[in-house]
mmCIF file of all heavy atoms, coordinates in Angstrom:
data_MODEL
# 
_entry.id   MODEL 
# 
loop_
_atom_site.group_PDB 
_atom_site.id 
_atom_site.type_symbol 
_atom_site.label_atom_id 
_atom_site.label_alt_id 
_atom_site.label_comp_id 
_atom_site.label_asym_id 
_atom_site.label_entity_id 
_atom_site.label_seq_id 
_atom_site.pdbx_PDB_ins_code 
_atom_site.Cartn_x 
_atom_site.Cartn_y 
_atom_site.Cartn_z 
_atom_site.occupancy 
_atom_site.B_iso_or_equiv 
_atom_site.pdbx_formal_charge 
_atom_site.auth_seq_id 
_atom_site.auth_comp_id 
_atom_site.auth_asym_id 
_atom_site.auth_atom_id 
_atom_site.pdbx_PDB_model_num 
ATOM 1   N N   . HIS A 1 1  ? -1.615  10.188 -11.890 1.00 0.00 ? 1  HIS A N   1 
ATOM 2   C CA  . HIS A 1 1  ? -1.026  9.966  -10.575 1.00 0.00 ? 1  HIS A CA  1 
ATOM 3   C C   . HIS A 1 1  ? -1.194  11.198 -9.685  1.00 0.00 ? 1  HIS A C   1 
ATOM 4   O O   . HIS A 1 1  ? -1.537  11.146 -8.521  1.00 0.00 ? 1  HIS A O   1 
ATOM 5   C CB  . HIS A 1 1  ? 0.422   9.629  -10.716 1.00 0.00 ? 1  HIS A CB  1 
ATOM 6   C CG  . HIS A 1 1  ? 1.097   9.385  -9.432  1.00 0.00 ? 1  HIS A CG  1 
ATOM 7   N ND1 . HIS A 1 1  ? 0.819   8.294  -8.620  1.00 0.00 ? 1  HIS A ND1 1 
ATOM 8   C CD2 . HIS A 1 1  ? 2.043   10.130 -8.747  1.00 0.00 ? 1  HIS A CD2 1 
ATOM 9   C CE1 . HIS A 1 1  ? 1.568   8.344  -7.521  1.00 0.00 ? 1  HIS A CE1 1 
ATOM 10  N NE2 . HIS A 1 1  ? 2.346   9.459  -7.567  1.00 0.00 ? 1  HIS A NE2 1 
ATOM 11  N N   . GLU A 1 2  ? -0.966  12.424 -10.313 1.00 0.00 ? 2  GLU A N   1 
ATOM 12  C CA  . GLU A 1 2  ? -1.133  13.630 -9.552  1.00 0.00 ? 2  GLU A CA  1 
ATOM 13  C C   . GLU A 1 2  ? -2.598  13.878 -9.083  1.00 0.00 ? 2  GLU A C   1 
ATOM 14  O O   . GLU A 1 2  ? -2.864  14.278 -7.990  1.00 0.00 ? 2  GLU A O   1 
ATOM 15  C CB  . GLU A 1 2  ? -0.679  14.840 -10.340 1.00 0.00 ? 2  GLU A CB  1 
ATOM 16  C CG  . GLU A 1 2  ? 0.872   14.848 -10.599 1.00 0.00 ? 2  GLU A CG  1 
ATOM 17  C CD  . GLU A 1 2  ? 1.284   15.982 -11.498 1.00 0.00 ? 2  GLU A CD  1 
ATOM 18  O OE1 . GLU A 1 2  ? 0.396   16.701 -11.964 1.00 0.00 ? 2  GLU A OE1 1 
ATOM 19  O OE2 . GLU A 1 2  ? 2.505   16.153 -11.752 1.00 0.00 ? 2  GLU A OE2 1 
ATOM 20  N N   . ARG A 1 3  ? -3.536  13.538 -9.967  1.00 0.00 ? 3  ARG A N   1 
ATOM 21  C CA  . ARG A 1 3  ? -4.959  13.739 -9.603  1.00 0.00 ? 3  ARG A CA  1 
ATOM 22  C C   . ARG A 1 3  ? -5.333  12.792 -8.480  1.00 0.00 ? 3  ARG A C   1 
ATOM 23  O O   . ARG A 1 3  ? -6.017  13.180 -7.499  1.00 0.00 ? 3  ARG A O   1 
ATOM 24  C CB  . ARG A 1 3  ? -5.816  13.421 -10.856 1.00 0.00 ? 3  ARG A CB  1 
ATOM 25  C CG  . ARG A 1 3  ? -5.699  14.533 -11.903 1.00 0.00 ? 3  ARG A CG  1 
ATOM 26  C CD  . ARG A 1 3  ? -6.447  14.138 -13.161 1.00 0.00 ? 3  ARG A CD  1 
ATOM 27  N NE  . ARG A 1 3  ? -6.249  15.073 -14.265 1.00 0.00 ? 3  ARG A NE  1 
ATOM 28  C CZ  . ARG A 1 3  ? -6.691  14.896 -15.496 1.00 0.00 ? 3  ARG A CZ  1 
ATOM 29  N NH1 . ARG A 1 3  ? -7.322  13.734 -15.796 1.00 0.00 ? 3  ARG A NH1 1 
ATOM 30  N NH2 . ARG A 1 3  ? -6.473  15.813 -16.419 1.00 0.00 ? 3  ARG A NH2 1 
ATOM 31  N N   . SER A 1 4  ? -4.913  11.582 -8.555  1.00 0.00 ? 4  SER A N   1 
ATOM 32  C CA  . SER A 1 4  ? -5.233  10.571 -7.511  1.00 0.00 ? 4  SER A CA  1 
ATOM 33  C C   . SER A 1 4  ? -4.559  10.995 -6.205  1.00 0.00 ? 4  SER A C   1 
ATOM 34  O O   . SER A 1 4  ? -5.159  10.841 -5.137  1.00 0.00 ? 4  SER A O   1 
ATOM 35  C CB  . SER A 1 4  ? -4.800  9.170  -7.939  1.00 0.00 ? 4  SER A CB  1 
ATOM 36  O OG  . SER A 1 4  ? -3.375  9.152  -8.133  1.00 0.00 ? 4  SER A OG  1 
ATOM 37  N N   . ARG A 1 5  ? -3.387  11.550 -6.298  1.00 0.00 ? 5  ARG A N   1 
ATOM 38  C CA  . ARG A 1 5  ? -2.694  12.000 -5.087  1.00 0.00 ? 5  ARG A CA  1 
ATOM 39  C C   . ARG A 1 5  ? -3.430  13.185 -4.419  1.00 0.00 ? 5  ARG A C   1 
ATOM 40  O O   . ARG A 1 5  ? -3.542  13.243 -3.209  1.00 0.00 ? 5  ARG A O   1 
ATOM 41  C CB  . ARG A 1 5  ? -1.247  12.429 -5.389  1.00 0.00 ? 5  ARG A CB  1 
ATOM 42  C CG  . ARG A 1 5  ? -0.412  12.813 -4.187  1.00 0.00 ? 5  ARG A CG  1 
ATOM 43  C CD  . ARG A 1 5  ? 0.993   13.132 -4.592  1.00 0.00 ? 5  ARG A CD  1 
ATOM 44  N NE  . ARG A 1 5  ? 1.031   14.232 -5.530  1.00 0.00 ? 5  ARG A NE  1 
ATOM 45  C CZ  . ARG A 1 5  ? 2.117   14.680 -6.105  1.00 0.00 ? 5  ARG A CZ  1 
ATOM 46  N NH1 . ARG A 1 5  ? 3.295   14.083 -5.861  1.00 0.00 ? 5  ARG A NH1 1 
ATOM 47  N NH2 . ARG A 1 5  ? 2.082   15.718 -6.944  1.00 0.00 ? 5  ARG A NH2 1 
ATOM 48  N N   . ASP A 1 6  ? -3.979  14.112 -5.291  1.00 0.00 ? 6  ASP A N   1 
ATOM 49  C CA  . ASP A 1 6  ? -4.744  15.222 -4.719  1.00 0.00 ? 6  ASP A CA  1 
ATOM 50  C C   . ASP A 1 6  ? -6.009  14.752 -4.060  1.00 0.00 ? 6  ASP A C   1 
ATOM 51  O O   . ASP A 1 6  ? -6.450  15.306 -3.039  1.00 0.00 ? 6  ASP A O   1 
ATOM 52  C CB  . ASP A 1 6  ? -5.107  16.206 -5.861  1.00 0.00 ? 6  ASP A CB  1 
ATOM 53  C CG  . ASP A 1 6  ? -3.883  16.827 -6.427  1.00 0.00 ? 6  ASP A CG  1 
ATOM 54  O OD1 . ASP A 1 6  ? -2.820  16.855 -5.728  1.00 0.00 ? 6  ASP A OD1 1 
ATOM 55  O OD2 . ASP A 1 6  ? -3.921  17.302 -7.594  1.00 0.00 ? 6  ASP A OD2 1 
ATOM 56  N N   . LYS A 1 7  ? -6.579  13.658 -4.620  1.00 0.00 ? 7  LYS A N   1 
ATOM 57  C CA  . LYS A 1 7  ? -7.809  13.133 -3.983  1.00 0.00 ? 7  LYS A CA  1 
ATOM 58  C C   . LYS A 1 7  ? -7.539  12.463 -2.671  1.00 0.00 ? 7  LYS A C   1 
ATOM 59  O O   . LYS A 1 7  ? -8.306  12.523 -1.722  1.00 0.00 ? 7  LYS A O   1 
ATOM 60  C CB  . LYS A 1 7  ? -8.468  12.129 -4.962  1.00 0.00 ? 7  LYS A CB  1 
ATOM 61  C CG  . LYS A 1 7  ? -9.062  12.768 -6.193  1.00 0.00 ? 7  LYS A CG  1 
ATOM 62  C CD  . LYS A 1 7  ? -9.678  11.701 -7.103  1.00 0.00 ? 7  LYS A CD  1 
ATOM 63  C CE  . LYS A 1 7  ? -10.242 12.345 -8.366  1.00 0.00 ? 7  LYS A CE  1 
ATOM 64  N NZ  . LYS A 1 7  ? -10.839 11.296 -9.271  1.00 0.00 ? 7  LYS A NZ  1 
ATOM 65  N N   . ARG A 1 8  ? -6.373  11.763 -2.607  1.00 0.00 ? 8  ARG A N   1 
ATOM 66  C CA  . ARG A 1 8  ? -6.027  11.048 -1.363  1.00 0.00 ? 8  ARG A CA  1 
ATOM 67  C C   . ARG A 1 8  ? -5.512  11.974 -0.273  1.00 0.00 ? 8  ARG A C   1 
ATOM 68  O O   . ARG A 1 8  ? -5.532  11.600 0.907   1.00 0.00 ? 8  ARG A O   1 
ATOM 69  C CB  . ARG A 1 8  ? -4.948  9.991  -1.693  1.00 0.00 ? 8  ARG A CB  1 
ATOM 70  C CG  . ARG A 1 8  ? -5.460  8.835  -2.519  1.00 0.00 ? 8  ARG A CG  1 
ATOM 71  C CD  . ARG A 1 8  ? -4.459  7.711  -2.472  1.00 0.00 ? 8  ARG A CD  1 
ATOM 72  N NE  . ARG A 1 8  ? -3.145  8.068  -2.971  1.00 0.00 ? 8  ARG A NE  1 
ATOM 73  C CZ  . ARG A 1 8  ? -2.773  7.995  -4.205  1.00 0.00 ? 8  ARG A CZ  1 
ATOM 74  N NH1 . ARG A 1 8  ? -3.558  7.536  -5.143  1.00 0.00 ? 8  ARG A NH1 1 
ATOM 75  N NH2 . ARG A 1 8  ? -1.493  8.380  -4.522  1.00 0.00 ? 8  ARG A NH2 1 
ATOM 76  N N   . TRP A 1 9  ? -5.058  13.184 -0.615  1.00 0.00 ? 9  TRP A N   1 
ATOM 77  C CA  . TRP A 1 9  ? -4.488  14.064 0.403   1.00 0.00 ? 9  TRP A CA  1 
ATOM 78  C C   . TRP A 1 9  ? -5.435  14.478 1.489   1.00 0.00 ? 9  TRP A C   1 
ATOM 79  O O   . TRP A 1 9  ? -5.041  14.386 2.667   1.00 0.00 ? 9  TRP A O   1 
ATOM 80  C CB  . TRP A 1 9  ? -3.952  15.283 -0.367  1.00 0.00 ? 9  TRP A CB  1 
ATOM 81  C CG  . TRP A 1 9  ? -3.153  16.198 0.568   1.00 0.00 ? 9  TRP A CG  1 
ATOM 82  C CD1 . TRP A 1 9  ? -3.476  17.355 1.144   1.00 0.00 ? 9  TRP A CD1 1 
ATOM 83  C CD2 . TRP A 1 9  ? -1.807  15.915 1.014   1.00 0.00 ? 9  TRP A CD2 1 
ATOM 84  N NE1 . TRP A 1 9  ? -2.503  17.840 1.875   1.00 0.00 ? 9  TRP A NE1 1 
ATOM 85  C CE2 . TRP A 1 9  ? -1.425  16.976 1.858   1.00 0.00 ? 9  TRP A CE2 1 
ATOM 86  C CE3 . TRP A 1 9  ? -0.897  14.855 0.816   1.00 0.00 ? 9  TRP A CE3 1 
ATOM 87  C CZ2 . TRP A 1 9  ? -0.218  17.045 2.462   1.00 0.00 ? 9  TRP A CZ2 1 
ATOM 88  C CZ3 . TRP A 1 9  ? 0.318   14.942 1.457   1.00 0.00 ? 9  TRP A CZ3 1 
ATOM 89  C CH2 . TRP A 1 9  ? 0.668   16.020 2.281   1.00 0.00 ? 9  TRP A CH2 1 
ATOM 90  N N   . PRO A 1 10 ? -6.704  14.889 1.203   1.00 0.00 ? 10 PRO A N   1 
ATOM 91  C CA  . PRO A 1 10 ? -7.621  15.233 2.319   1.00 0.00 ? 10 PRO A CA  1 
ATOM 92  C C   . PRO A 1 10 ? -7.876  14.050 3.243   1.00 0.00 ? 10 PRO A C   1 
ATOM 93  O O   . PRO A 1 10 ? -7.988  14.203 4.437   1.00 0.00 ? 10 PRO A O   1 
ATOM 94  C CB  . PRO A 1 10 ? -8.886  15.641 1.582   1.00 0.00 ? 10 PRO A CB  1 
ATOM 95  C CG  . PRO A 1 10 ? -8.449  16.034 0.232   1.00 0.00 ? 10 PRO A CG  1 
ATOM 96  C CD  . PRO A 1 10 ? -7.327  15.184 -0.074  1.00 0.00 ? 10 PRO A CD  1 
ATOM 97  N N   . GLU A 1 11 ? -7.959  12.814 2.666   1.00 0.00 ? 11 GLU A N   1 
ATOM 98  C CA  . GLU A 1 11 ? -8.202  11.654 3.490   1.00 0.00 ? 11 GLU A CA  1 
ATOM 99  C C   . GLU A 1 11 ? -7.019  11.422 4.449   1.00 0.00 ? 11 GLU A C   1 
ATOM 100 O O   . GLU A 1 11 ? -7.217  11.099 5.660   1.00 0.00 ? 11 GLU A O   1 
ATOM 101 C CB  . GLU A 1 11 ? -8.405  10.399 2.591   1.00 0.00 ? 11 GLU A CB  1 
ATOM 102 C CG  . GLU A 1 11 ? -9.638  10.511 1.683   1.00 0.00 ? 11 GLU A CG  1 
ATOM 103 C CD  . GLU A 1 11 ? -9.752  9.320  0.792   1.00 0.00 ? 11 GLU A CD  1 
ATOM 104 O OE1 . GLU A 1 11 ? -8.846  8.474  0.883   1.00 0.00 ? 11 GLU A OE1 1 
ATOM 105 O OE2 . GLU A 1 11 ? -10.731 9.176  0.039   1.00 0.00 ? 11 GLU A OE2 1 
ATOM 106 N N   . ARG A 1 12 ? -5.805  11.641 3.958   1.00 0.00 ? 12 ARG A N   1 
ATOM 107 C CA  . ARG A 1 12 ? -4.649  11.486 4.830   1.00 0.00 ? 12 ARG A CA  1 
ATOM 108 C C   . ARG A 1 12 ? -4.671  12.556 5.953   1.00 0.00 ? 12 ARG A C   1 
ATOM 109 O O   . ARG A 1 12 ? -4.363  12.236 7.095   1.00 0.00 ? 12 ARG A O   1 
ATOM 110 C CB  . ARG A 1 12 ? -3.378  11.660 4.016   1.00 0.00 ? 12 ARG A CB  1 
ATOM 111 C CG  . ARG A 1 12 ? -3.142  10.488 3.052   1.00 0.00 ? 12 ARG A CG  1 
ATOM 112 C CD  . ARG A 1 12 ? -1.815  10.712 2.328   1.00 0.00 ? 12 ARG A CD  1 
ATOM 113 N NE  . ARG A 1 12 ? -1.578  9.577  1.436   1.00 0.00 ? 12 ARG A NE  1 
ATOM 114 C CZ  . ARG A 1 12 ? -0.550  9.549  0.610   1.00 0.00 ? 12 ARG A CZ  1 
ATOM 115 N NH1 . ARG A 1 12 ? 0.335   10.558 0.572   1.00 0.00 ? 12 ARG A NH1 1 
ATOM 116 N NH2 . ARG A 1 12 ? -0.379  8.526  -0.228  1.00 0.00 ? 12 ARG A NH2 1 
ATOM 117 N N   . GLU A 1 13 ? -5.058  13.780 5.615   1.00 0.00 ? 13 GLU A N   1 
ATOM 118 C CA  . GLU A 1 13 ? -5.142  14.839 6.642   1.00 0.00 ? 13 GLU A CA  1 
ATOM 119 C C   . GLU A 1 13 ? -6.151  14.457 7.722   1.00 0.00 ? 13 GLU A C   1 
ATOM 120 O O   . GLU A 1 13 ? -5.890  14.694 8.875   1.00 0.00 ? 13 GLU A O   1 
ATOM 121 C CB  . GLU A 1 13 ? -5.485  16.163 5.980   1.00 0.00 ? 13 GLU A CB  1 
ATOM 122 C CG  . GLU A 1 13 ? -4.341  16.758 5.137   1.00 0.00 ? 13 GLU A CG  1 
ATOM 123 C CD  . GLU A 1 13 ? -4.733  18.056 4.507   1.00 0.00 ? 13 GLU A CD  1 
ATOM 124 O OE1 . GLU A 1 13 ? -5.942  18.415 4.574   1.00 0.00 ? 13 GLU A OE1 1 
ATOM 125 O OE2 . GLU A 1 13 ? -3.862  18.755 4.025   1.00 0.00 ? 13 GLU A OE2 1 
ATOM 126 N N   . ARG A 1 14 ? -7.287  13.903 7.263   1.00 0.00 ? 14 ARG A N   1 
ATOM 127 C CA  . ARG A 1 14 ? -8.266  13.521 8.252   1.00 0.00 ? 14 ARG A CA  1 
ATOM 128 C C   . ARG A 1 14 ? -7.743  12.441 9.177   1.00 0.00 ? 14 ARG A C   1 
ATOM 129 O O   . ARG A 1 14 ? -7.901  12.460 10.382  1.00 0.00 ? 14 ARG A O   1 
ATOM 130 C CB  . ARG A 1 14 ? -9.547  12.999 7.521   1.00 0.00 ? 14 ARG A CB  1 
ATOM 131 C CG  . ARG A 1 14 ? -10.285 14.067 6.751   1.00 0.00 ? 14 ARG A CG  1 
ATOM 132 C CD  . ARG A 1 14 ? -11.382 13.439 5.894   1.00 0.00 ? 14 ARG A CD  1 
ATOM 133 N NE  . ARG A 1 14 ? -11.968 14.386 5.000   1.00 0.00 ? 14 ARG A NE  1 
ATOM 134 C CZ  . ARG A 1 14 ? -12.857 14.044 4.049   1.00 0.00 ? 14 ARG A CZ  1 
ATOM 135 N NH1 . ARG A 1 14 ? -13.141 12.786 3.879   1.00 0.00 ? 14 ARG A NH1 1 
ATOM 136 N NH2 . ARG A 1 14 ? -13.336 15.006 3.259   1.00 0.00 ? 14 ARG A NH2 1 
ATOM 137 N N   . SER A 1 15 ? -7.072  11.456 8.535   1.00 0.00 ? 15 SER A N   1 
ATOM 138 C CA  . SER A 1 15 ? -6.551  10.359 9.388   1.00 0.00 ? 15 SER A CA  1 
ATOM 139 C C   . SER A 1 15 ? -5.497  10.892 10.368  1.00 0.00 ? 15 SER A C   1 
ATOM 140 O O   . SER A 1 15 ? -5.421  10.494 11.526  1.00 0.00 ? 15 SER A O   1 
ATOM 141 C CB  . SER A 1 15 ? -5.921  9.294  8.486   1.00 0.00 ? 15 SER A CB  1 
ATOM 142 O OG  . SER A 1 15 ? -4.883  9.816  7.693   1.00 0.00 ? 15 SER A OG  1 
ATOM 143 N N   . TRP A 1 16 ? -4.682  11.856 9.903   1.00 0.00 ? 16 TRP A N   1 
ATOM 144 C CA  . TRP A 1 16 ? -3.683  12.406 10.819  1.00 0.00 ? 16 TRP A CA  1 
ATOM 145 C C   . TRP A 1 16 ? -4.328  13.173 11.950  1.00 0.00 ? 16 TRP A C   1 
ATOM 146 O O   . TRP A 1 16 ? -3.953  13.086 13.104  1.00 0.00 ? 16 TRP A O   1 
ATOM 147 C CB  . TRP A 1 16 ? -2.730  13.349 10.043  1.00 0.00 ? 16 TRP A CB  1 
ATOM 148 C CG  . TRP A 1 16 ? -1.838  12.608 9.057   1.00 0.00 ? 16 TRP A CG  1 
ATOM 149 C CD1 . TRP A 1 16 ? -1.509  11.254 9.085   1.00 0.00 ? 16 TRP A CD1 1 
ATOM 150 C CD2 . TRP A 1 16 ? -1.200  13.144 7.901   1.00 0.00 ? 16 TRP A CD2 1 
ATOM 151 N NE1 . TRP A 1 16 ? -0.705  10.913 8.056   1.00 0.00 ? 16 TRP A NE1 1 
ATOM 152 C CE2 . TRP A 1 16 ? -0.456  12.047 7.286   1.00 0.00 ? 16 TRP A CE2 1 
ATOM 153 C CE3 . TRP A 1 16 ? -1.087  14.394 7.332   1.00 0.00 ? 16 TRP A CE3 1 
ATOM 154 C CZ2 . TRP A 1 16 ? 0.307   12.233 6.157   1.00 0.00 ? 16 TRP A CZ2 1 
ATOM 155 C CZ3 . TRP A 1 16 ? -0.314  14.559 6.195   1.00 0.00 ? 16 TRP A CZ3 1 
ATOM 156 C CH2 . TRP A 1 16 ? 0.355   13.493 5.651   1.00 0.00 ? 16 TRP A CH2 1 
ATOM 157 N N   . ALA A 1 17 ? -5.342  13.956 11.563  1.00 0.00 ? 17 ALA A N   1 
ATOM 158 C CA  . ALA A 1 17 ? -6.057  14.727 12.619  1.00 0.00 ? 17 ALA A CA  1 
ATOM 159 C C   . ALA A 1 17 ? -6.739  13.802 13.629  1.00 0.00 ? 17 ALA A C   1 
ATOM 160 O O   . ALA A 1 17 ? -6.687  14.005 14.828  1.00 0.00 ? 17 ALA A O   1 
ATOM 161 C CB  . ALA A 1 17 ? -7.150  15.630 11.969  1.00 0.00 ? 17 ALA A CB  1 
ATOM 162 N N   . TRP A 1 18 ? -7.312  12.757 13.120  1.00 0.00 ? 18 TRP A N   1 
ATOM 163 C CA  . TRP A 1 18 ? -7.933  11.786 13.977  1.00 0.00 ? 18 TRP A CA  1 
ATOM 164 C C   . TRP A 1 18 ? -6.920  11.104 14.924  1.00 0.00 ? 18 TRP A C   1 
ATOM 165 O O   . TRP A 1 18 ? -7.123  10.932 16.077  1.00 0.00 ? 18 TRP A O   1 
ATOM 166 C CB  . TRP A 1 18 ? -8.657  10.686 13.126  1.00 0.00 ? 18 TRP A CB  1 
ATOM 167 C CG  . TRP A 1 18 ? -9.279  9.619  13.971  1.00 0.00 ? 18 TRP A CG  1 
ATOM 168 C CD1 . TRP A 1 18 ? -10.525 9.665  14.568  1.00 0.00 ? 18 TRP A CD1 1 
ATOM 169 C CD2 . TRP A 1 18 ? -8.742  8.363  14.326  1.00 0.00 ? 18 TRP A CD2 1 
ATOM 170 N NE1 . TRP A 1 18 ? -10.796 8.512  15.247  1.00 0.00 ? 18 TRP A NE1 1 
ATOM 171 C CE2 . TRP A 1 18 ? -9.706  7.728  15.132  1.00 0.00 ? 18 TRP A CE2 1 
ATOM 172 C CE3 . TRP A 1 18 ? -7.529  7.717  14.047  1.00 0.00 ? 18 TRP A CE3 1 
ATOM 173 C CZ2 . TRP A 1 18 ? -9.511  6.387  15.630  1.00 0.00 ? 18 TRP A CZ2 1 
ATOM 174 C CZ3 . TRP A 1 18 ? -7.362  6.461  14.547  1.00 0.00 ? 18 TRP A CZ3 1 
ATOM 175 C CH2 . TRP A 1 18 ? -8.286  5.815  15.351  1.00 0.00 ? 18 TRP A CH2 1 
ATOM 176 N N   . GLY A 1 19 ? -5.712  10.820 14.384  1.00 0.00 ? 19 GLY A N   1 
ATOM 177 C CA  . GLY A 1 19 ? -4.686  10.229 15.211  1.00 0.00 ? 19 GLY A CA  1 
ATOM 178 C C   . GLY A 1 19 ? -4.258  11.215 16.309  1.00 0.00 ? 19 GLY A C   1 
ATOM 179 O O   . GLY A 1 19 ? -4.051  10.802 17.426  1.00 0.00 ? 19 GLY A O   1 
ATOM 180 N N   . GLU A 1 20 ? -4.158  12.528 15.951  1.00 0.00 ? 20 GLU A N   1 
ATOM 181 C CA  . GLU A 1 20 ? -3.762  13.500 17.019  1.00 0.00 ? 20 GLU A CA  1 
ATOM 182 C C   . GLU A 1 20 ? -4.790  13.597 18.102  1.00 0.00 ? 20 GLU A C   1 
ATOM 183 O O   . GLU A 1 20 ? -4.482  13.677 19.291  1.00 0.00 ? 20 GLU A O   1 
ATOM 184 C CB  . GLU A 1 20 ? -3.517  14.819 16.340  1.00 0.00 ? 20 GLU A CB  1 
ATOM 185 C CG  . GLU A 1 20 ? -2.283  14.859 15.451  1.00 0.00 ? 20 GLU A CG  1 
ATOM 186 C CD  . GLU A 1 20 ? -2.129  16.190 14.784  1.00 0.00 ? 20 GLU A CD  1 
ATOM 187 O OE1 . GLU A 1 20 ? -3.029  17.065 14.976  1.00 0.00 ? 20 GLU A OE1 1 
ATOM 188 O OE2 . GLU A 1 20 ? -1.143  16.380 14.021  1.00 0.00 ? 20 GLU A OE2 1 
ATOM 189 N N   . SER A 1 21 ? -6.084  13.566 17.715  1.00 0.00 ? 21 SER A N   1 
ATOM 190 C CA  . SER A 1 21 ? -7.167  13.690 18.762  1.00 0.00 ? 21 SER A CA  1 
ATOM 191 C C   . SER A 1 21 ? -7.123  12.491 19.688  1.00 0.00 ? 21 SER A C   1 
ATOM 192 O O   . SER A 1 21 ? -7.310  12.580 20.889  1.00 0.00 ? 21 SER A O   1 
ATOM 193 C CB  . SER A 1 21 ? -8.518  13.814 18.036  1.00 0.00 ? 21 SER A CB  1 
ATOM 194 O OG  . SER A 1 21 ? -8.785  12.649 17.234  1.00 0.00 ? 21 SER A OG  1 
ATOM 195 N N   . GLU A 1 22 ? -6.894  11.303 19.081  1.00 0.00 ? 22 GLU A N   1 
ATOM 196 C CA  . GLU A 1 22 ? -6.807  10.113 19.928  1.00 0.00 ? 22 GLU A CA  1 
ATOM 197 C C   . GLU A 1 22 ? -5.668  10.232 20.902  1.00 0.00 ? 22 GLU A C   1 
ATOM 198 O O   . GLU A 1 22 ? -5.768  9.847  22.071  1.00 0.00 ? 22 GLU A O   1 
ATOM 199 C CB  . GLU A 1 22 ? -6.608  8.894  19.028  1.00 0.00 ? 22 GLU A CB  1 
ATOM 200 C CG  . GLU A 1 22 ? -7.875  8.517  18.258  1.00 0.00 ? 22 GLU A CG  1 
ATOM 201 C CD  . GLU A 1 22 ? -8.961  7.986  19.159  1.00 0.00 ? 22 GLU A CD  1 
ATOM 202 O OE1 . GLU A 1 22 ? -8.649  7.463  20.199  1.00 0.00 ? 22 GLU A OE1 1 
ATOM 203 O OE2 . GLU A 1 22 ? -10.167 8.154  18.835  1.00 0.00 ? 22 GLU A OE2 1 
ATOM 204 N N   . ARG A 1 23 ? -4.501  10.733 20.437  1.00 0.00 ? 23 ARG A N   1 
ATOM 205 C CA  . ARG A 1 23 ? -3.367  10.876 21.318  1.00 0.00 ? 23 ARG A CA  1 
ATOM 206 C C   . ARG A 1 23 ? -3.692  11.814 22.470  1.00 0.00 ? 23 ARG A C   1 
ATOM 207 O O   . ARG A 1 23 ? -3.336  11.629 23.613  1.00 0.00 ? 23 ARG A O   1 
ATOM 208 C CB  . ARG A 1 23 ? -2.170  11.337 20.544  1.00 0.00 ? 23 ARG A CB  1 
ATOM 209 C CG  . ARG A 1 23 ? -1.604  10.335 19.551  1.00 0.00 ? 23 ARG A CG  1 
ATOM 210 C CD  . ARG A 1 23 ? -0.580  10.952 18.676  1.00 0.00 ? 23 ARG A CD  1 
ATOM 211 N NE  . ARG A 1 23 ? -0.135  10.011 17.665  1.00 0.00 ? 23 ARG A NE  1 
ATOM 212 C CZ  . ARG A 1 23 ? 0.677   10.337 16.648  1.00 0.00 ? 23 ARG A CZ  1 
ATOM 213 N NH1 . ARG A 1 23 ? 1.099   11.595 16.565  1.00 0.00 ? 23 ARG A NH1 1 
ATOM 214 N NH2 . ARG A 1 23 ? 1.014   9.475  15.759  1.00 0.00 ? 23 ARG A NH2 1 
ATOM 215 N N   . GLU A 1 24 ? -4.350  12.964 22.101  1.00 0.00 ? 24 GLU A N   1 
ATOM 216 C CA  . GLU A 1 24 ? -4.679  13.937 23.130  1.00 0.00 ? 24 GLU A CA  1 
ATOM 217 C C   . GLU A 1 24 ? -5.612  13.286 24.186  1.00 0.00 ? 24 GLU A C   1 
ATOM 218 O O   . GLU A 1 24 ? -5.470  13.545 25.398  1.00 0.00 ? 24 GLU A O   1 
ATOM 219 C CB  . GLU A 1 24 ? -5.340  15.132 22.502  1.00 0.00 ? 24 GLU A CB  1 
ATOM 220 C CG  . GLU A 1 24 ? -4.347  15.956 21.645  1.00 0.00 ? 24 GLU A CG  1 
ATOM 221 C CD  . GLU A 1 24 ? -5.050  17.118 20.973  1.00 0.00 ? 24 GLU A CD  1 
ATOM 222 O OE1 . GLU A 1 24 ? -6.320  17.237 21.091  1.00 0.00 ? 24 GLU A OE1 1 
ATOM 223 O OE2 . GLU A 1 24 ? -4.402  17.926 20.284  1.00 0.00 ? 24 GLU A OE2 1 
ATOM 224 N N   . ARG A 1 25 ? -6.604  12.499 23.718  1.00 0.00 ? 25 ARG A N   1 
ATOM 225 C CA  . ARG A 1 25 ? -7.519  11.878 24.683  1.00 0.00 ? 25 ARG A CA  1 
ATOM 226 C C   . ARG A 1 25 ? -6.776  10.928 25.584  1.00 0.00 ? 25 ARG A C   1 
ATOM 227 O O   . ARG A 1 25 ? -7.001  10.935 26.818  1.00 0.00 ? 25 ARG A O   1 
ATOM 228 C CB  . ARG A 1 25 ? -8.586  11.060 23.886  1.00 0.00 ? 25 ARG A CB  1 
ATOM 229 C CG  . ARG A 1 25 ? -9.562  11.942 23.097  1.00 0.00 ? 25 ARG A CG  1 
ATOM 230 C CD  . ARG A 1 25 ? -10.442 11.061 22.297  1.00 0.00 ? 25 ARG A CD  1 
ATOM 231 N NE  . ARG A 1 25 ? -11.316 11.828 21.405  1.00 0.00 ? 25 ARG A NE  1 
ATOM 232 C CZ  . ARG A 1 25 ? -12.135 11.322 20.489  1.00 0.00 ? 25 ARG A CZ  1 
ATOM 233 N NH1 . ARG A 1 25 ? -12.157 9.992  20.307  1.00 0.00 ? 25 ARG A NH1 1 
ATOM 234 N NH2 . ARG A 1 25 ? -12.871 12.103 19.720  1.00 0.00 ? 25 ARG A NH2 1 
ATOM 235 N N   . ASP A 1 26 ? -5.868  10.156 25.022  1.00 0.00 ? 26 ASP A N   1 
ATOM 236 C CA  . ASP A 1 26 ? -5.086  9.236  25.857  1.00 0.00 ? 26 ASP A CA  1 
ATOM 237 C C   . ASP A 1 26 ? -4.254  9.980  26.928  1.00 0.00 ? 26 ASP A C   1 
ATOM 238 O O   . ASP A 1 26 ? -4.195  9.567  28.064  1.00 0.00 ? 26 ASP A O   1 
ATOM 239 C CB  . ASP A 1 26 ? -4.176  8.399  24.986  1.00 0.00 ? 26 ASP A CB  1 
ATOM 240 C CG  . ASP A 1 26 ? -4.976  7.469  24.057  1.00 0.00 ? 26 ASP A CG  1 
ATOM 241 O OD1 . ASP A 1 26 ? -6.154  7.198  24.406  1.00 0.00 ? 26 ASP A OD1 1 
ATOM 242 O OD2 . ASP A 1 26 ? -4.425  7.034  23.018  1.00 0.00 ? 26 ASP A OD2 1 
ATOM 243 N N   . SER A 1 27 ? -3.604  11.055 26.482  1.00 0.00 ? 27 SER A N   1 
ATOM 244 C CA  . SER A 1 27 ? -2.809  11.820 27.412  1.00 0.00 ? 27 SER A CA  1 
ATOM 245 C C   . SER A 1 27 ? -3.688  12.446 28.529  1.00 0.00 ? 27 SER A C   1 
ATOM 246 O O   . SER A 1 27 ? -3.298  12.454 29.694  1.00 0.00 ? 27 SER A O   1 
ATOM 247 C CB  . SER A 1 27 ? -2.034  12.937 26.699  1.00 0.00 ? 27 SER A CB  1 
ATOM 248 O OG  . SER A 1 27 ? -2.962  13.811 26.044  1.00 0.00 ? 27 SER A OG  1 
# 
């Protein structure tokens, strides 16, 4: 479970970063 969580963590960071960029564009 810990290994799979470590693998999923970068993907979540990317999705969060992508969400922030979209918000900035909209603003």
